[in-house]
Protein backbone atom coordinates (compact mmCIF):
# COMPACT_ATOMS: atom_id res chain seq x y z
CA MET A 1 -109.13 32.12 87.48
CA SER A 2 -105.53 31.42 86.50
CA ILE A 3 -105.64 29.20 83.41
CA TYR A 4 -107.74 26.31 82.22
CA PHE A 5 -106.10 23.67 80.05
CA ASP A 6 -108.19 21.31 77.93
CA LEU A 7 -106.25 18.43 76.40
CA ILE A 8 -108.36 17.76 73.31
CA THR A 9 -106.56 14.83 71.69
CA VAL A 10 -103.21 13.04 71.59
CA CYS A 11 -101.65 11.47 68.51
CA PRO A 12 -101.51 7.74 69.38
CA LYS A 13 -98.41 7.13 67.26
CA THR A 14 -96.25 10.04 68.41
CA GLY A 15 -97.61 11.69 71.55
CA ALA A 16 -98.21 15.07 69.89
CA ARG A 17 -100.97 16.92 71.75
CA LEU A 18 -103.75 19.24 70.66
CA GLY A 19 -105.05 21.46 73.43
CA LYS A 20 -106.63 24.74 74.37
CA MET A 21 -105.27 26.86 77.19
CA VAL A 22 -107.72 29.52 78.36
CA THR A 23 -106.43 32.60 80.17
CA ASN A 24 -108.08 35.81 81.34
CA HIS A 25 -106.98 37.33 78.04
CA GLY A 26 -108.37 34.68 75.75
CA PRO A 27 -107.66 31.16 74.52
CA VAL A 28 -104.37 29.80 73.25
CA ASP A 29 -104.61 26.86 70.85
CA THR A 30 -101.70 24.52 71.47
CA PRO A 31 -99.08 23.62 70.43
CA ALA A 32 -98.25 27.31 70.02
CA PHE A 33 -95.21 29.47 69.42
CA MET A 34 -94.97 32.66 71.50
CA PRO A 35 -93.13 35.60 69.90
CA VAL A 36 -90.69 37.21 72.31
CA GLY A 37 -91.39 40.75 73.48
CA THR A 38 -88.53 41.03 75.94
CA GLN A 39 -88.98 44.71 76.75
CA GLY A 40 -92.76 44.70 76.42
CA SER A 41 -92.54 44.89 72.63
CA VAL A 42 -92.05 42.32 69.89
CA LYS A 43 -89.32 44.26 68.09
CA GLY A 44 -90.64 46.10 65.04
CA ILE A 45 -94.19 44.73 65.33
CA THR A 46 -97.28 46.54 66.61
CA THR A 47 -99.94 44.85 68.72
CA ASP A 48 -102.39 45.24 65.82
CA GLU A 49 -99.97 43.31 63.61
CA LEU A 50 -99.61 40.62 66.27
CA THR A 51 -103.38 40.29 66.23
CA ALA A 52 -103.35 40.01 62.43
CA LEU A 53 -100.82 37.19 62.82
CA ASN A 54 -103.32 35.40 65.09
CA THR A 55 -100.87 35.62 67.97
CA ALA A 56 -102.56 34.44 71.15
CA MET A 57 -99.71 34.89 73.64
CA ILE A 58 -96.34 36.62 73.77
CA LEU A 59 -93.42 36.40 76.17
CA ALA A 60 -92.01 39.36 78.10
CA ASN A 61 -89.05 39.41 80.47
CA SER A 62 -89.45 40.61 84.04
CA TYR A 63 -85.69 41.15 84.48
CA HIS A 64 -85.52 43.66 81.65
CA LEU A 65 -88.81 45.36 82.59
CA TYR A 66 -87.69 45.60 86.23
CA LEU A 67 -84.59 47.49 85.11
CA ARG A 68 -86.35 49.58 82.46
CA PRO A 69 -88.86 51.28 82.59
CA GLY A 70 -89.27 50.01 86.15
CA ILE A 71 -92.12 48.26 87.92
CA GLU A 72 -93.52 51.52 89.33
CA VAL A 73 -94.07 52.91 85.84
CA ILE A 74 -95.82 49.75 84.65
CA ALA A 75 -97.98 49.66 87.80
CA ARG A 76 -99.02 53.26 87.17
CA ALA A 77 -100.08 52.25 83.64
CA GLY A 78 -102.34 49.58 85.09
CA GLY A 79 -100.14 46.60 84.28
CA LEU A 80 -98.20 45.37 81.28
CA HIS A 81 -101.26 44.59 79.13
CA LYS A 82 -102.52 48.16 79.36
CA MET A 83 -99.12 49.73 78.92
CA MET A 84 -98.56 47.68 75.75
CA ASN A 85 -102.14 48.04 74.53
CA TRP A 86 -102.19 44.26 74.15
CA SER A 87 -105.37 42.25 74.71
CA GLY A 88 -103.84 38.80 74.25
CA GLY A 89 -102.01 36.60 76.70
CA ILE A 90 -98.62 37.37 78.24
CA LEU A 91 -96.15 34.97 79.81
CA THR A 92 -93.38 36.62 81.82
CA ASP A 93 -90.06 34.88 82.28
CA SER A 94 -88.53 35.39 85.73
CA GLY A 95 -85.30 36.69 84.21
CA GLY A 96 -83.31 33.85 85.73
CA PHE A 97 -81.58 32.97 82.48
CA GLN A 98 -80.64 36.59 81.78
CA ILE A 99 -79.24 37.03 85.30
CA PHE A 100 -77.18 33.87 85.12
CA SER A 101 -75.90 34.88 81.68
CA LEU A 102 -74.22 37.90 83.28
CA GLY A 103 -71.28 35.75 84.37
CA GLY A 104 -68.97 37.85 86.53
CA LEU A 105 -71.66 40.50 86.98
CA ARG A 106 -73.67 38.35 89.38
CA GLU A 107 -73.23 36.39 92.60
CA VAL A 108 -75.54 33.50 93.46
CA GLU A 109 -76.43 32.52 97.03
CA ASP A 110 -79.11 30.24 98.38
CA ASP A 111 -81.22 33.21 99.39
CA GLY A 112 -81.06 35.05 96.05
CA VAL A 113 -78.92 36.69 93.39
CA THR A 114 -76.92 39.91 93.48
CA PHE A 115 -76.21 41.30 90.03
CA THR A 116 -74.93 44.37 88.26
CA SER A 117 -77.22 46.01 85.74
CA HIS A 118 -76.01 45.70 82.16
CA ILE A 119 -77.61 49.11 81.54
CA ASP A 120 -76.05 51.45 84.10
CA GLY A 121 -73.87 49.32 86.38
CA SER A 122 -76.19 49.64 89.37
CA THR A 123 -76.36 46.78 91.88
CA HIS A 124 -79.56 44.82 92.46
CA TYR A 125 -80.63 41.93 94.66
CA LEU A 126 -83.43 39.58 93.66
CA THR A 127 -84.92 36.76 95.68
CA PRO A 128 -87.55 34.27 94.56
CA GLU A 129 -90.12 36.23 96.56
CA ARG A 130 -89.23 39.53 94.93
CA VAL A 131 -89.28 38.01 91.43
CA ILE A 132 -92.84 36.84 92.11
CA ARG A 133 -93.88 40.26 93.42
CA ILE A 134 -92.52 41.86 90.25
CA GLN A 135 -94.53 39.49 88.05
CA ASN A 136 -97.63 39.99 90.21
CA ILE A 137 -97.36 43.73 89.50
CA LEU A 138 -96.78 43.15 85.79
CA GLY A 139 -100.06 41.23 85.72
CA SER A 140 -99.02 38.59 83.22
CA ASP A 141 -101.29 35.62 82.61
CA ILE A 142 -98.48 33.18 83.34
CA ALA A 143 -95.55 33.88 85.68
CA MET A 144 -92.41 31.76 85.95
CA VAL A 145 -90.47 30.74 89.04
CA LEU A 146 -86.90 31.91 89.54
CA ASP A 147 -84.56 29.11 88.51
CA GLN A 148 -80.84 28.57 88.11
CA CYS A 149 -79.95 27.57 84.57
CA PRO A 150 -76.49 25.96 84.37
CA PRO A 151 -74.51 26.31 81.14
CA TYR A 152 -73.50 23.53 78.79
CA PRO A 153 -71.20 21.82 79.33
CA ALA A 154 -71.30 21.74 83.13
CA SER A 155 -70.16 19.09 85.58
CA TYR A 156 -72.62 16.80 87.32
CA GLU A 157 -71.92 18.54 90.64
CA GLU A 158 -72.55 22.01 89.18
CA VAL A 159 -75.85 20.92 87.66
CA HIS A 160 -76.84 19.08 90.83
CA ILE A 161 -76.36 22.22 92.95
CA ALA A 162 -78.32 24.34 90.46
CA THR A 163 -81.13 21.80 90.26
CA GLU A 164 -81.52 21.51 94.03
CA ARG A 165 -81.49 25.30 94.36
CA THR A 166 -84.14 25.57 91.63
CA SER A 167 -86.44 23.25 93.58
CA ARG A 168 -85.99 25.23 96.80
CA TRP A 169 -86.60 28.51 94.99
CA ALA A 170 -89.68 27.06 93.28
CA LEU A 171 -91.29 26.32 96.64
CA ARG A 172 -90.52 29.84 97.85
CA CYS A 173 -92.03 31.27 94.67
CA LEU A 174 -95.16 29.19 95.14
CA GLU A 175 -95.56 30.38 98.73
CA ALA A 176 -95.03 34.02 97.71
CA HIS A 177 -97.45 33.93 94.78
CA LEU A 178 -100.59 35.86 95.76
CA ARG A 179 -102.33 36.74 92.50
CA GLU A 180 -105.01 34.09 92.02
CA GLU A 181 -105.86 35.05 88.45
CA GLN A 182 -102.21 34.58 87.42
CA ALA A 183 -100.89 31.07 86.72
CA LEU A 184 -97.45 30.06 88.00
CA PHE A 185 -95.28 27.55 86.14
CA GLY A 186 -92.42 25.54 87.63
CA ILE A 187 -89.21 24.97 85.64
CA VAL A 188 -87.59 21.54 85.41
CA GLN A 189 -83.80 21.71 85.37
CA GLY A 190 -81.12 19.01 85.44
CA GLY A 191 -79.04 19.62 82.35
CA VAL A 192 -78.49 16.46 80.32
CA TYR A 193 -78.33 14.24 83.42
CA GLN A 194 -81.36 11.97 83.51
CA ASP A 195 -81.42 11.34 87.25
CA LEU A 196 -81.31 15.07 87.96
CA ARG A 197 -84.15 15.68 85.50
CA GLU A 198 -86.19 12.99 87.23
CA LYS A 199 -85.52 14.46 90.68
CA SER A 200 -86.33 18.00 89.51
CA ALA A 201 -89.59 16.92 87.88
CA ALA A 202 -90.63 14.90 90.94
CA ASP A 203 -89.96 17.84 93.26
CA LEU A 204 -91.98 20.26 91.12
CA VAL A 205 -94.90 17.95 90.40
CA LYS A 206 -95.43 17.56 94.15
CA MET A 207 -95.84 21.35 94.38
CA GLU A 208 -98.76 21.26 91.91
CA PHE A 209 -97.97 24.20 89.65
CA SER A 210 -100.43 25.33 86.96
CA GLY A 211 -97.99 24.18 84.28
CA TYR A 212 -94.43 23.01 83.82
CA ALA A 213 -91.56 24.36 81.75
CA ILE A 214 -88.46 22.49 80.65
CA GLY A 215 -85.44 24.76 81.00
CA GLY A 216 -81.72 24.30 80.61
CA LEU A 217 -81.90 23.11 77.00
CA SER A 218 -80.87 24.95 73.84
CA VAL A 219 -77.84 26.22 75.76
CA GLY A 220 -75.16 24.92 73.39
CA GLU A 221 -75.70 21.16 73.49
CA PRO A 222 -76.02 19.16 70.24
CA LYS A 223 -79.59 19.01 69.02
CA GLU A 224 -79.58 15.24 69.18
CA LEU A 225 -78.74 15.39 72.88
CA MET A 226 -81.43 17.99 73.46
CA TYR A 227 -84.03 15.76 71.81
CA GLN A 228 -82.91 12.74 73.85
CA THR A 229 -83.16 14.71 77.08
CA LEU A 230 -86.53 16.11 76.09
CA GLU A 231 -87.92 12.69 75.16
CA ARG A 232 -86.99 11.36 78.60
CA THR A 233 -88.23 14.41 80.51
CA VAL A 234 -91.66 15.05 78.98
CA PRO A 235 -93.22 11.80 80.33
CA LEU A 236 -92.29 12.91 83.86
CA LEU A 237 -94.75 15.82 83.65
CA PRO A 238 -98.52 15.68 84.34
CA ALA A 239 -100.53 14.98 81.20
CA ASP A 240 -103.28 17.39 82.24
CA LYS A 241 -101.02 20.44 82.61
CA PRO A 242 -99.42 22.61 79.89
CA ARG A 243 -95.82 21.79 78.96
CA TYR A 244 -93.52 24.61 77.89
CA LEU A 245 -90.11 24.21 76.22
CA MET A 246 -88.13 27.38 76.88
CA GLY A 247 -85.98 29.15 74.29
CA VAL A 248 -86.62 26.92 71.26
CA GLY A 249 -87.92 28.25 67.94
CA SER A 250 -86.22 26.80 64.87
CA PRO A 251 -88.78 25.15 62.55
CA ASP A 252 -87.22 21.68 62.87
CA ALA A 253 -87.22 21.90 66.67
CA LEU A 254 -90.83 23.11 66.77
CA LEU A 255 -91.87 20.05 64.79
CA GLU A 256 -89.82 17.69 66.94
CA GLY A 257 -90.94 19.31 70.18
CA SER A 258 -94.57 19.05 69.12
CA ARG A 259 -94.07 15.36 68.35
CA LEU A 260 -92.73 14.84 71.86
CA GLY A 261 -95.77 16.46 73.48
CA ILE A 262 -94.73 20.08 74.07
CA ASP A 263 -97.54 22.66 74.16
CA LEU A 264 -95.72 26.02 74.26
CA PHE A 265 -92.52 27.35 72.72
CA ASP A 266 -90.73 30.70 72.63
CA CYS A 267 -87.57 32.04 71.02
CA VAL A 268 -86.04 35.29 69.78
CA LEU A 269 -84.74 33.47 66.68
CA PRO A 270 -87.34 34.61 64.10
CA THR A 271 -87.17 38.29 65.07
CA ARG A 272 -83.42 38.42 65.69
CA ILE A 273 -82.39 36.90 62.36
CA ALA A 274 -84.98 39.06 60.59
CA ARG A 275 -83.25 42.22 61.79
CA ASN A 276 -80.05 40.86 60.26
CA GLY A 277 -81.72 40.24 56.91
CA ARG A 278 -82.33 36.50 57.19
CA VAL A 279 -85.75 34.97 56.58
CA MET A 280 -87.36 31.57 56.85
CA THR A 281 -88.87 30.14 53.68
CA SER A 282 -90.33 26.89 52.37
CA ARG A 283 -86.83 26.10 51.07
CA GLY A 284 -84.82 27.12 54.12
CA TYR A 285 -83.07 30.26 55.22
CA LEU A 286 -82.64 33.11 52.74
CA THR A 287 -80.14 35.89 53.46
CA ILE A 288 -81.81 38.74 51.67
CA ARG A 289 -78.87 41.14 52.07
CA ASN A 290 -76.83 39.09 49.59
CA ALA A 291 -75.99 40.79 46.30
CA VAL A 292 -77.65 38.04 44.27
CA TYR A 293 -81.05 39.49 45.24
CA ALA A 294 -80.26 43.07 44.17
CA SER A 295 -82.57 42.89 41.15
CA ASP A 296 -84.69 39.86 42.14
CA MET A 297 -88.37 40.79 41.78
CA ALA A 298 -89.65 37.54 43.31
CA PRO A 299 -91.23 37.51 46.79
CA LEU A 300 -89.27 36.28 49.79
CA ASP A 301 -91.07 32.94 49.43
CA ASP A 302 -93.31 32.18 46.46
CA GLU A 303 -95.20 29.63 48.58
CA CYS A 304 -96.02 32.18 51.28
CA ASN A 305 -99.25 34.18 51.36
CA CYS A 306 -98.25 36.75 53.97
CA PRO A 307 -98.78 40.47 53.15
CA VAL A 308 -95.01 40.91 52.76
CA CYS A 309 -94.71 38.22 50.11
CA ARG A 310 -97.86 39.40 48.35
CA ASN A 311 -96.71 43.02 48.06
CA TYR A 312 -92.92 43.37 48.12
CA SER A 313 -89.99 41.95 46.19
CA ARG A 314 -86.67 40.61 47.40
CA ALA A 315 -84.93 43.47 45.61
CA TYR A 316 -86.98 46.11 47.41
CA ILE A 317 -86.56 44.54 50.86
CA ARG A 318 -82.82 44.13 50.26
CA HIS A 319 -82.63 47.80 49.28
CA LEU A 320 -84.43 48.83 52.48
CA LEU A 321 -82.12 46.76 54.67
CA ASN A 322 -78.95 47.97 53.03
CA ALA A 323 -80.15 51.57 53.18
CA GLY A 324 -80.82 51.23 56.90
CA GLU A 325 -84.56 51.77 56.49
CA ILE A 326 -86.57 50.51 59.47
CA LEU A 327 -89.31 49.22 57.15
CA GLY A 328 -86.96 46.54 55.84
CA MET A 329 -86.55 45.00 59.29
CA ARG A 330 -90.27 45.28 59.96
CA LEU A 331 -91.09 43.39 56.77
CA THR A 332 -88.62 40.56 57.40
CA THR A 333 -89.80 40.27 61.01
CA TYR A 334 -93.46 40.06 60.01
CA HIS A 335 -92.67 37.41 57.41
CA ASN A 336 -90.73 35.20 59.86
CA LEU A 337 -93.46 35.37 62.48
CA TYR A 338 -96.04 34.54 59.82
CA TYR A 339 -93.96 31.56 58.68
CA LEU A 340 -93.83 30.08 62.20
CA ALA A 341 -97.50 30.85 62.85
CA GLN A 342 -98.42 28.91 59.71
CA LEU A 343 -96.17 26.02 60.69
CA MET A 344 -97.82 25.75 64.10
CA ARG A 345 -101.28 25.98 62.50
CA GLU A 346 -100.39 23.09 60.16
CA ILE A 347 -99.15 21.04 63.12
CA ARG A 348 -102.37 21.64 65.05
CA GLU A 349 -104.52 20.77 62.04
CA ALA A 350 -102.57 17.56 61.44
CA ILE A 351 -103.07 16.47 65.06
CA CYS A 352 -106.75 17.41 64.94
CA GLU A 353 -107.31 15.40 61.73
CA ASP A 354 -105.40 12.38 63.04
CA ARG A 355 -102.69 12.61 60.38
CA PHE A 356 -99.82 14.08 62.38
CA ASP A 357 -97.67 10.96 62.03
CA LEU A 358 -97.82 11.26 58.24
CA TYR A 359 -97.29 15.02 58.38
CA TYR A 360 -94.27 14.54 60.64
CA ARG A 361 -92.69 11.94 58.35
CA GLN A 362 -93.19 14.22 55.34
CA MET A 363 -91.94 17.41 57.01
CA LYS A 364 -89.07 16.13 59.14
CA PRO A 365 -86.62 15.42 56.26
CA LYS A 366 -87.32 18.84 54.73
CA LEU A 367 -86.99 20.80 57.97
CA ASP A 368 -83.91 18.84 59.03
CA GLN A 369 -82.33 19.59 55.65
CA TYR A 370 -83.18 23.27 55.70
CA TYR A 371 -82.95 24.12 59.40
CA GLY A 372 -81.29 21.29 61.27
CA GLY A 373 -77.85 21.33 59.72
CA ALA A 374 -75.97 22.80 62.66
CA SER A 375 -74.98 20.18 65.22
CA ARG A 376 -74.79 22.84 67.91
CA TRP A 377 -77.04 25.81 68.43
CA LYS A 378 -77.06 29.02 70.35
CA VAL A 379 -79.62 29.96 72.94
CA CYS A 380 -82.61 31.80 71.53
């Protein structure tokens, strides 16, 4: 099988959805946040620790894995799951965003993309068909089509060309996809232009993908504009298929995305900021490298029950980070992933118990205050 999606209940006041997505590597209770393991590893975290965090699915990137260690190596290992020693679900991004982020290092044509490796300067050519073959070999539970993600801001004509190309590539991906046990998701593009979003969604829904992602957001636009675009786009997608918002992972956006009916999220935010000494807490971000914590024996968050907060002080973790000890980054990373896992668990429980509307109204002011201050945000 590919995946089975059971829509359990929908909050009548908001549209938040509780579901269960079943893959060949186990169930995923939704809405869910997927930690990012770009290179086949969630940085600093072992697969046993991911299991302890109740992680059901992670994201890996086929562009990076294609370049290093190479598809042949992963095939010899028996696929990405076996190479990683990971028994949970894996979603592989096509690498489209990474390729289009290369700027002058790539050239886009209707047939495919020529790009220069950021690792060694070698030249590569990827088509929609080849991207699908790569993901077939990786053996992920969910593969993504190759899309063209325009930047923000971009003119209507630029976004129109990218959106039309994304639809054509999606059909080619669907025709090339041969692995029946692997689901394939389409990606809705269109920038912040409503008519282009509508056209993209209509094109993809006709193709009957296993699920649908919303791409081209969290690329520099104001959050308010992202939410407006999302609110108008989600209803265009089938209610009985999983909905995936790509590259979004701040706590306030996870709450808002869940309210709007999103089932899956991913972002490098929690792991990236952790490596720089910044953690998420019940009272907002805490930059643990700051001198004020040099002798602070309190946990990172006194409302958190993760193993890091139960066993280590701010002073000790700050010392590790400033001394360049790898353990410091591991501890902050674990804590951030735990924080988001708990947030998503609370969201699911609130939907299940028919109190999400109240939960949302209680949490939104707090999360907006602590995490929604920036009017513009960088891609995760």
